[in-house]
Amino acid sequence: MAWEFDLLYWFQGLHHPVLDQVEKLITRFGDKGLFWIFLTLCMLIFVKDKRVGMTAALALITEAIICNLLLKNTVRRSRPCWLDTEIGLLIKSPKDYSFPSGHSSASFAVAVSILLYHRKWGIAAVIFAALIAISRLYLFVHFPTDVLAGILIGTVMAVISGMIVKRSVEKHPELMDWKLRK
């Protein structure tokens, strides 16, 4: 754990009033996964290739179950800001456990889902997801291994979800033709 605090303290040395505001804004895009949920709904409704939205939805649901219901409550890892209260937080101290990072997991679940189908948009989404993950370290609310585990879980859930959606669409091509009724 010493190397993790060393890295977190290094991030603390980067603080600057402008960067503080940027990081606070970036991390808000991961709050409760709402941005990623909204983006997934938009893909399901407006994107012609429904596979990307279906993959993102399945990846989000599975990563949320694994991260927020199972692992956080099983591992029960304290957050760095709970262990070193001398560091002033720029955001409210989260109430749930630290491992794994839900911000990172949800962000990578959707970003990698997009990458599986649309390279250009997927690369942009992965870069944005990485910025959200890094913001959690800058803001001193997650350990590096929390963030890495979240990235891994989100990525794996996106890949597995992509395989499931691909097989489902191959067996049931009519899934590609659904539309919301008005």
C-alpha atoms as a PDB file:
ATOM      1  CA  MET A   1       0.000   0.000   0.000  1.00  0.00           C
ATOM      2  CA  ALA A   2       2.979   2.339   0.464  1.00  0.00           C
ATOM      3  CA  TRP A   3       3.527   2.752  -3.285  1.00  0.00           C
ATOM      4  CA  GLU A   4      -0.148   3.607  -3.698  1.00  0.00           C
ATOM      5  CA  PHE A   5       0.031   6.427  -1.168  1.00  0.00           C
ATOM      6  CA  ASP A   6       3.291   7.595  -2.799  1.00  0.00           C
ATOM      7  CA  LEU A   7       1.471   7.903  -6.136  1.00  0.00           C
ATOM      8  CA  LEU A   8      -1.529   9.613  -4.534  1.00  0.00           C
ATOM      9  CA  TYR A   9       0.766  12.116  -2.785  1.00  0.00           C
ATOM     10  CA  TRP A  10       2.484  12.762  -6.121  1.00  0.00           C
ATOM     11  CA  PHE A  11      -0.928  13.694  -7.553  1.00  0.00           C
ATOM     12  CA  GLN A  12      -1.450  16.009  -4.582  1.00  0.00           C
ATOM     13  CA  GLY A  13       1.678  17.865  -5.651  1.00  0.00           C
ATOM     14  CA  LEU A  14       0.028  18.667  -8.996  1.00  0.00           C
ATOM     15  CA  HIS A  15      -2.799  20.677  -7.465  1.00  0.00           C
ATOM     16  CA  HIS A  16      -3.474  24.063  -9.002  1.00  0.00           C
ATOM     17  CA  PRO A  17      -6.711  26.073  -8.720  1.00  0.00           C
ATOM     18  CA  VAL A  18      -7.536  25.682 -12.435  1.00  0.00           C
ATOM     19  CA  LEU A  19      -6.674  21.980 -12.520  1.00  0.00           C
ATOM     20  CA  ASP A  20      -8.680  21.457  -9.322  1.00  0.00           C
ATOM     21  CA  GLN A  21     -11.790  22.798 -11.052  1.00  0.00           C
ATOM     22  CA  VAL A  22     -11.144  20.724 -14.188  1.00  0.00           C
ATOM     23  CA  GLU A  23     -10.722  17.520 -12.172  1.00  0.00           C
ATOM     24  CA  LYS A  24     -13.867  18.211 -10.137  1.00  0.00           C
ATOM     25  CA  LEU A  25     -15.799  18.676 -13.383  1.00  0.00           C
ATOM     26  CA  ILE A  26     -14.350  15.566 -15.021  1.00  0.00           C
ATOM     27  CA  THR A  27     -15.113  13.342 -12.024  1.00  0.00           C
ATOM     28  CA  ARG A  28     -18.759  14.507 -12.019  1.00  0.00           C
ATOM     29  CA  PHE A  29     -19.235  12.772 -15.370  1.00  0.00           C
ATOM     30  CA  GLY A  30     -18.709   9.491 -13.523  1.00  0.00           C
ATOM     31  CA  ASP A  31     -21.007  10.255 -10.570  1.00  0.00           C
ATOM     32  CA  LYS A  32     -23.469   7.381 -10.135  1.00  0.00           C
ATOM     33  CA  GLY A  33     -22.770   6.440 -13.752  1.00  0.00           C
ATOM     34  CA  LEU A  34     -25.472   8.902 -14.831  1.00  0.00           C
ATOM     35  CA  PHE A  35     -23.568  10.302 -17.824  1.00  0.00           C
ATOM     36  CA  TRP A  36     -22.796   6.784 -19.056  1.00  0.00           C
ATOM     37  CA  ILE A  37     -26.371   5.619 -18.473  1.00  0.00           C
ATOM     38  CA  PHE A  38     -27.678   8.632 -20.413  1.00  0.00           C
ATOM     39  CA  LEU A  39     -25.192   8.003 -23.229  1.00  0.00           C
ATOM     40  CA  THR A  40     -26.218   4.342 -23.367  1.00  0.00           C
ATOM     41  CA  LEU A  41     -29.908   5.275 -23.584  1.00  0.00           C
ATOM     42  CA  CYS A  42     -29.109   7.724 -26.386  1.00  0.00           C
ATOM     43  CA  MET A  43     -27.260   4.986 -28.266  1.00  0.00           C
ATOM     44  CA  LEU A  44     -30.195   2.615 -27.828  1.00  0.00           C
ATOM     45  CA  ILE A  45     -32.628   5.221 -29.138  1.00  0.00           C
ATOM     46  CA  PHE A  46     -30.725   7.218 -31.748  1.00  0.00           C
ATOM     47  CA  VAL A  47     -27.878   5.069 -33.086  1.00  0.00           C
ATOM     48  CA  LYS A  48     -28.865   2.888 -36.029  1.00  0.00           C
ATOM     49  CA  ASP A  49     -26.575  -0.002 -35.012  1.00  0.00           C
ATOM     50  CA  LYS A  50     -28.343  -1.058 -31.808  1.00  0.00           C
ATOM     51  CA  ARG A  51     -25.557  -3.490 -30.894  1.00  0.00           C
ATOM     52  CA  VAL A  52     -23.429  -0.710 -29.387  1.00  0.00           C
ATOM     53  CA  GLY A  53     -26.235   0.405 -27.070  1.00  0.00           C
ATOM     54  CA  MET A  54     -27.150  -3.176 -26.170  1.00  0.00           C
ATOM     55  CA  THR A  55     -23.514  -3.976 -25.403  1.00  0.00           C
ATOM     56  CA  ALA A  56     -23.082  -0.846 -23.289  1.00  0.00           C
ATOM     57  CA  ALA A  57     -26.309  -1.546 -21.369  1.00  0.00           C
ATOM     58  CA  LEU A  58     -25.340  -5.127 -20.606  1.00  0.00           C
ATOM     59  CA  ALA A  59     -21.795  -4.093 -19.654  1.00  0.00           C
ATOM     60  CA  LEU A  60     -23.100  -1.345 -17.336  1.00  0.00           C
ATOM     61  CA  ILE A  61     -25.536  -3.672 -15.603  1.00  0.00           C
ATOM     62  CA  THR A  62     -22.979  -6.428 -15.059  1.00  0.00           C
ATOM     63  CA  GLU A  63     -20.180  -4.125 -13.911  1.00  0.00           C
ATOM     64  CA  ALA A  64     -22.541  -2.418 -11.449  1.00  0.00           C
ATOM     65  CA  ILE A  65     -23.529  -5.763  -9.941  1.00  0.00           C
ATOM     66  CA  ILE A  66     -19.912  -6.926  -9.708  1.00  0.00           C
ATOM     67  CA  CYS A  67     -18.446  -3.639  -8.422  1.00  0.00           C
ATOM     68  CA  ASN A  68     -21.121  -1.958  -6.379  1.00  0.00           C
ATOM     69  CA  LEU A  69     -23.087  -4.888  -5.022  1.00  0.00           C
ATOM     70  CA  LEU A  70     -20.502  -7.654  -4.704  1.00  0.00           C
ATOM     71  CA  LEU A  71     -16.921  -6.416  -4.458  1.00  0.00           C
ATOM     72  CA  LYS A  72     -17.315  -3.113  -2.583  1.00  0.00           C
ATOM     73  CA  ASN A  73     -19.362  -4.816   0.130  1.00  0.00           C
ATOM     74  CA  THR A  74     -17.170  -7.916   0.274  1.00  0.00           C
ATOM     75  CA  VAL A  75     -13.712  -6.306   0.232  1.00  0.00           C
ATOM     76  CA  ARG A  76     -14.802  -3.257   2.294  1.00  0.00           C
ATOM     77  CA  ARG A  77     -11.608  -1.339   1.576  1.00  0.00           C
ATOM     78  CA  SER A  78     -11.270   2.051   3.224  1.00  0.00           C
ATOM     79  CA  ARG A  79     -10.712   5.031   0.980  1.00  0.00           C
ATOM     80  CA  PRO A  80      -7.392   6.891   1.114  1.00  0.00           C
ATOM     81  CA  CYS A  81      -9.210  10.034   2.284  1.00  0.00           C
ATOM     82  CA  TRP A  82     -10.543   8.062   5.270  1.00  0.00           C
ATOM     83  CA  LEU A  83      -7.053   6.871   6.198  1.00  0.00           C
ATOM     84  CA  ASP A  84      -5.217  10.176   5.743  1.00  0.00           C
ATOM     85  CA  THR A  85      -7.557  12.935   6.812  1.00  0.00           C
ATOM     86  CA  GLU A  86      -4.804  15.570   6.566  1.00  0.00           C
ATOM     87  CA  ILE A  87      -5.391  15.872   2.811  1.00  0.00           C
ATOM     88  CA  GLY A  88      -8.121  18.424   2.119  1.00  0.00           C
ATOM     89  CA  LEU A  89     -10.745  17.053  -0.239  1.00  0.00           C
ATOM     90  CA  LEU A  90     -12.098  19.059  -3.156  1.00  0.00           C
ATOM     91  CA  ILE A  91     -15.294  16.977  -3.227  1.00  0.00           C
ATOM     92  CA  LYS A  92     -17.477  15.411  -0.558  1.00  0.00           C
ATOM     93  CA  SER A  93     -15.992  12.292   0.966  1.00  0.00           C
ATOM     94  CA  PRO A  94     -17.721   9.277  -0.587  1.00  0.00           C
ATOM     95  CA  LYS A  95     -19.696   7.111   1.822  1.00  0.00           C
ATOM     96  CA  ASP A  96     -19.222   3.759   0.083  1.00  0.00           C
ATOM     97  CA  TYR A  97     -16.092   1.612   0.057  1.00  0.00           C
ATOM     98  CA  SER A  98     -13.137   2.167  -2.214  1.00  0.00           C
ATOM     99  CA  PHE A  99     -12.497  -1.124  -4.061  1.00  0.00           C
ATOM    100  CA  PRO A 100     -13.112  -1.162  -6.989  1.00  0.00           C
ATOM    101  CA  SER A 101     -13.665   2.266  -8.491  1.00  0.00           C
ATOM    102  CA  GLY A 102     -17.232   2.456  -9.784  1.00  0.00           C
ATOM    103  CA  HIS A 103     -16.419   5.623 -11.755  1.00  0.00           C
ATOM    104  CA  SER A 104     -13.654   3.759 -13.595  1.00  0.00           C
ATOM    105  CA  SER A 105     -15.661   0.597 -14.102  1.00  0.00           C
ATOM    106  CA  ALA A 106     -18.780   2.290 -15.513  1.00  0.00           C
ATOM    107  CA  SER A 107     -16.689   4.605 -17.692  1.00  0.00           C
ATOM    108  CA  PHE A 108     -14.679   1.785 -19.244  1.00  0.00           C
ATOM    109  CA  ALA A 109     -17.717  -0.492 -19.610  1.00  0.00           C
ATOM    110  CA  VAL A 110     -19.375   2.019 -21.926  1.00  0.00           C
ATOM    111  CA  ALA A 111     -16.224   3.414 -23.559  1.00  0.00           C
ATOM    112  CA  VAL A 112     -14.930  -0.034 -24.538  1.00  0.00           C
ATOM    113  CA  SER A 113     -18.430  -1.003 -25.716  1.00  0.00           C
ATOM    114  CA  ILE A 114     -18.323   1.961 -28.093  1.00  0.00           C
ATOM    115  CA  LEU A 115     -14.779   1.055 -29.161  1.00  0.00           C
ATOM    116  CA  LEU A 116     -15.924  -2.440 -30.163  1.00  0.00           C
ATOM    117  CA  TYR A 117     -18.181  -0.966 -32.863  1.00  0.00           C
ATOM    118  CA  HIS A 118     -16.933   2.545 -33.681  1.00  0.00           C
ATOM    119  CA  ARG A 119     -13.162   3.017 -33.542  1.00  0.00           C
ATOM    120  CA  LYS A 120     -13.001   6.836 -33.765  1.00  0.00           C
ATOM    121  CA  TRP A 121     -15.748   7.488 -31.193  1.00  0.00           C
ATOM    122  CA  GLY A 122     -14.481   4.613 -29.063  1.00  0.00           C
ATOM    123  CA  ILE A 123     -10.977   6.045 -28.817  1.00  0.00           C
ATOM    124  CA  ALA A 124     -12.425   9.398 -27.724  1.00  0.00           C
ATOM    125  CA  ALA A 125     -14.642   7.628 -25.163  1.00  0.00           C
ATOM    126  CA  VAL A 126     -11.708   5.600 -23.783  1.00  0.00           C
ATOM    127  CA  ILE A 127      -9.615   8.768 -23.413  1.00  0.00           C
ATOM    128  CA  PHE A 128     -12.496  10.441 -21.566  1.00  0.00           C
ATOM    129  CA  ALA A 129     -12.950   7.341 -19.382  1.00  0.00           C
ATOM    130  CA  ALA A 130      -9.226   7.427 -18.556  1.00  0.00           C
ATOM    131  CA  LEU A 131      -9.513  11.092 -17.545  1.00  0.00           C
ATOM    132  CA  ILE A 132     -12.370  10.198 -15.210  1.00  0.00           C
ATOM    133  CA  ALA A 133     -10.325   7.347 -13.714  1.00  0.00           C
ATOM    134  CA  ILE A 134      -7.311   9.626 -13.177  1.00  0.00           C
ATOM    135  CA  SER A 135      -9.534  12.247 -11.537  1.00  0.00           C
ATOM    136  CA  ARG A 136     -10.307   9.741  -8.782  1.00  0.00           C
ATOM    137  CA  LEU A 137      -6.597   9.609  -7.891  1.00  0.00           C
ATOM    138  CA  TYR A 138      -6.148  13.375  -8.153  1.00  0.00           C
ATOM    139  CA  LEU A 139      -9.123  13.886  -5.837  1.00  0.00           C
ATOM    140  CA  PHE A 140      -7.670  11.400  -3.294  1.00  0.00           C
ATOM    141  CA  VAL A 141     -10.779   9.206  -3.122  1.00  0.00           C
ATOM    142  CA  HIS A 142      -9.399   5.976  -4.635  1.00  0.00           C
ATOM    143  CA  PHE A 143      -6.203   3.988  -4.507  1.00  0.00           C
ATOM    144  CA  PRO A 144      -4.505   3.202  -7.839  1.00  0.00           C
ATOM    145  CA  THR A 145      -5.442  -0.485  -7.527  1.00  0.00           C
ATOM    146  CA  ASP A 146      -9.103   0.502  -7.053  1.00  0.00           C
ATOM    147  CA  VAL A 147      -8.953   2.386 -10.336  1.00  0.00           C
ATOM    148  CA  LEU A 148      -7.046  -0.377 -12.147  1.00  0.00           C
ATOM    149  CA  ALA A 149      -9.538  -2.989 -10.933  1.00  0.00           C
ATOM    150  CA  GLY A 150     -12.428  -0.789 -12.089  1.00  0.00           C
ATOM    151  CA  ILE A 151     -10.826  -0.348 -15.515  1.00  0.00           C
ATOM    152  CA  LEU A 152     -10.268  -4.095 -15.803  1.00  0.00           C
ATOM    153  CA  ILE A 153     -13.798  -5.015 -14.721  1.00  0.00           C
ATOM    154  CA  GLY A 154     -15.419  -2.459 -17.022  1.00  0.00           C
ATOM    155  CA  THR A 155     -13.266  -3.552 -19.970  1.00  0.00           C
ATOM    156  CA  VAL A 156     -13.879  -7.274 -19.415  1.00  0.00           C
ATOM    157  CA  MET A 157     -17.633  -6.729 -19.002  1.00  0.00           C
ATOM    158  CA  ALA A 158     -17.713  -4.738 -22.264  1.00  0.00           C
ATOM    159  CA  VAL A 159     -15.865  -7.474 -24.175  1.00  0.00           C
ATOM    160  CA  ILE A 160     -18.018 -10.259 -22.730  1.00  0.00           C
ATOM    161  CA  SER A 161     -21.172  -8.219 -23.334  1.00  0.00           C
ATOM    162  CA  GLY A 162     -20.063  -7.631 -26.925  1.00  0.00           C
ATOM    163  CA  MET A 163     -19.692 -11.382 -27.459  1.00  0.00           C
ATOM    164  CA  ILE A 164     -23.123 -12.038 -25.937  1.00  0.00           C
ATOM    165  CA  VAL A 165     -24.776  -9.347 -28.072  1.00  0.00           C
ATOM    166  CA  LYS A 166     -23.033 -10.632 -31.213  1.00  0.00           C
ATOM    167  CA  ARG A 167     -24.286 -14.177 -30.615  1.00  0.00           C
ATOM    168  CA  SER A 168     -27.766 -12.939 -29.726  1.00  0.00           C
ATOM    169  CA  VAL A 169     -28.030 -10.827 -32.877  1.00  0.00           C
ATOM    170  CA  GLU A 170     -26.751 -13.719 -35.020  1.00  0.00           C
ATOM    171  CA  LYS A 171     -29.469 -15.987 -33.598  1.00  0.00           C
ATOM    172  CA  HIS A 172     -32.158 -13.279 -33.541  1.00  0.00           C
ATOM    173  CA  PRO A 173     -31.501 -10.647 -36.251  1.00  0.00           C
ATOM    174  CA  GLU A 174     -34.854  -9.034 -35.463  1.00  0.00           C
ATOM    175  CA  LEU A 175     -33.195  -7.542 -32.347  1.00  0.00           C
ATOM    176  CA  MET A 176     -31.582  -5.008 -34.667  1.00  0.00           C
ATOM    177  CA  ASP A 177     -34.977  -3.743 -35.862  1.00  0.00           C
ATOM    178  CA  TRP A 178     -36.597  -2.742 -32.566  1.00  0.00           C
ATOM    179  CA  LYS A 179     -37.787   0.798 -32.078  1.00  0.00           C
ATOM    180  CA  LEU A 180     -39.350   2.602 -29.163  1.00  0.00           C
ATOM    181  CA  ARG A 181     -43.092   3.023 -29.624  1.00  0.00           C
ATOM    182  CA  LYS A 182     -44.473   6.547 -29.546  1.00  0.00           C
END
